[in-house]
Protein backbone atom coordinates (compact mmCIF):
# COMPACT_ATOMS: atom_id res chain seq x y z
CA MET A 1 -14.97 -11.46 27.17
CA VAL A 2 -11.95 -9.11 27.15
CA GLU A 3 -10.81 -10.33 23.74
CA GLU A 4 -14.31 -9.77 22.35
CA ALA A 5 -14.26 -6.22 23.69
CA ALA A 6 -10.81 -5.70 22.11
CA LYS A 7 -12.13 -6.93 18.76
CA ALA A 8 -15.09 -4.54 19.06
CA LEU A 9 -12.68 -1.70 19.86
CA ALA A 10 -10.54 -2.62 16.85
CA THR A 11 -13.62 -2.51 14.62
CA ALA A 12 -14.68 0.81 16.10
CA LEU A 13 -11.20 2.22 15.48
CA LYS A 14 -11.19 1.01 11.88
CA ASN A 15 -14.57 2.67 11.34
CA SER A 16 -13.66 5.89 13.15
CA PRO A 17 -13.51 9.18 11.24
CA GLU A 18 -9.91 9.60 12.37
CA PHE A 19 -8.80 6.33 10.82
CA LYS A 20 -10.83 6.81 7.64
CA GLN A 21 -9.30 10.26 7.14
CA TYR A 22 -5.82 8.89 7.86
CA ALA A 23 -6.21 6.03 5.38
CA LYS A 24 -7.60 8.31 2.66
CA LEU A 25 -4.87 10.91 3.06
CA LYS A 26 -2.15 8.27 3.24
CA GLU A 27 -3.31 6.81 -0.06
CA ILE A 28 -3.29 10.25 -1.66
CA ALA A 29 0.10 11.28 -0.25
CA PHE A 30 1.77 7.96 -1.08
CA ARG A 31 0.84 8.14 -4.75
CA LYS A 32 4.14 10.00 -5.06
CA ASP A 33 7.15 7.72 -4.66
CA SER A 34 9.14 10.68 -3.34
CA THR A 35 6.66 11.25 -0.50
CA ARG A 36 6.64 7.57 0.38
CA SER A 37 10.43 7.51 0.45
CA LEU A 38 10.78 10.73 2.47
CA TYR A 39 8.18 9.52 4.95
CA ALA A 40 9.98 6.19 5.43
CA GLN A 41 13.24 8.04 6.03
CA TYR A 42 11.44 10.43 8.44
CA LYS A 43 10.02 7.52 10.46
CA ARG A 44 13.44 5.81 10.65
CA LEU A 45 15.02 9.00 11.94
CA MET A 46 12.14 9.49 14.39
CA VAL A 47 12.75 6.04 15.89
CA GLN A 48 16.47 6.76 16.18
CA ALA A 49 15.77 10.11 17.85
CA GLN A 50 13.37 8.48 20.32
CA ALA A 51 15.96 5.83 21.13
CA CYS A 52 18.52 8.55 21.83
CA GLU A 53 16.07 10.40 24.05
CA VAL A 54 15.20 7.28 26.06
CA SER A 55 18.87 6.51 26.57
CA GLY A 56 19.59 10.08 27.65
CA ARG A 57 21.78 10.89 24.66
CA LYS A 58 21.28 13.94 22.45
CA ASN A 59 22.22 13.72 18.79
CA GLU A 60 22.08 17.22 17.28
CA GLU A 61 22.89 16.02 13.76
CA LEU A 62 20.06 13.49 13.88
CA LEU A 63 17.62 16.13 15.17
CA SER A 64 18.72 18.50 12.41
CA GLN A 65 18.12 15.84 9.74
CA LEU A 66 14.73 15.07 11.26
CA ASN A 67 13.72 18.73 11.26
CA THR A 68 14.85 19.16 7.66
CA LEU A 69 12.81 16.16 6.54
CA ALA A 70 9.78 17.41 8.46
CA GLU A 71 10.07 20.78 6.74
CA VAL A 72 10.34 19.17 3.31
CA LEU A 73 7.27 17.03 3.99
CA GLN A 74 5.33 20.07 5.24
CA PHE A 75 5.90 21.86 1.92
CA ASP A 76 3.90 19.14 0.17
CA THR A 77 0.25 19.86 1.00
CA GLU A 78 -0.79 16.21 0.57
CA ALA A 79 2.04 14.96 2.80
CA ALA A 80 1.30 17.67 5.38
CA ALA A 81 -2.39 16.70 5.47
CA PHE A 82 -1.44 13.05 5.92
CA LEU A 83 1.00 13.85 8.75
CA LEU A 84 -1.69 15.85 10.54
CA ALA A 85 -4.16 12.98 10.16
CA GLU A 86 -1.52 10.55 11.44
CA PHE A 87 -0.93 12.81 14.45
CA ARG A 88 -4.66 12.92 15.22
CA LEU A 89 -4.97 9.13 14.92
CA ASN A 90 -1.95 8.58 17.16
CA ALA A 91 -3.31 11.07 19.72
CA MET A 92 -6.58 9.12 19.84
CA LEU A 93 -4.70 5.81 20.20
CA GLY A 94 -2.62 7.35 22.99
CA ARG A 95 -5.74 8.41 24.88
CA ILE A 96 -7.18 4.91 24.50
CA TYR A 97 -3.94 3.30 25.68
CA LYS A 98 -3.89 5.61 28.69
CA LEU A 99 -7.46 4.62 29.59
CA LEU A 100 -6.59 0.94 29.33
CA ALA A 101 -3.39 1.31 31.34
CA GLU A 102 -5.15 3.27 34.07
CA ALA A 103 -7.85 0.59 34.29
CA VAL A 104 -5.23 -2.00 35.27
CA GLY A 105 -2.91 0.32 37.18
CA ALA A 106 -0.08 0.14 34.64
CA ASP A 107 2.81 2.54 35.24
CA LEU A 108 3.18 4.91 32.29
CA SER A 109 5.98 6.97 33.79
CA VAL A 110 8.47 5.59 31.26
CA LEU A 111 6.36 7.27 28.56
CA GLY A 112 6.55 10.63 30.29
CA GLU A 113 3.04 10.39 31.68
């Protein structure tokens, strides 16, 4: 029963306006190899920055590189639209995860909740 509900949720997510917008804008933005490459580098740096934050370390050079890449991506209107759509999709997924975690009493304090 739970797995069936999860499959229904997955289908609903795939058919949501947030996901459809994300997928459309990703396809448009990634037509440019440069955008695809910059985005991949941005995501790698984001993971590294999050790892530093979790471990209590602060890497100013890494944060500076991350900010520079974010600025470069924001100058490209297609990349900026995609990043905003990605943010909206991730915000929705975060709200769903929070609902699920609360339903089973999961501790989200490690995520800053």
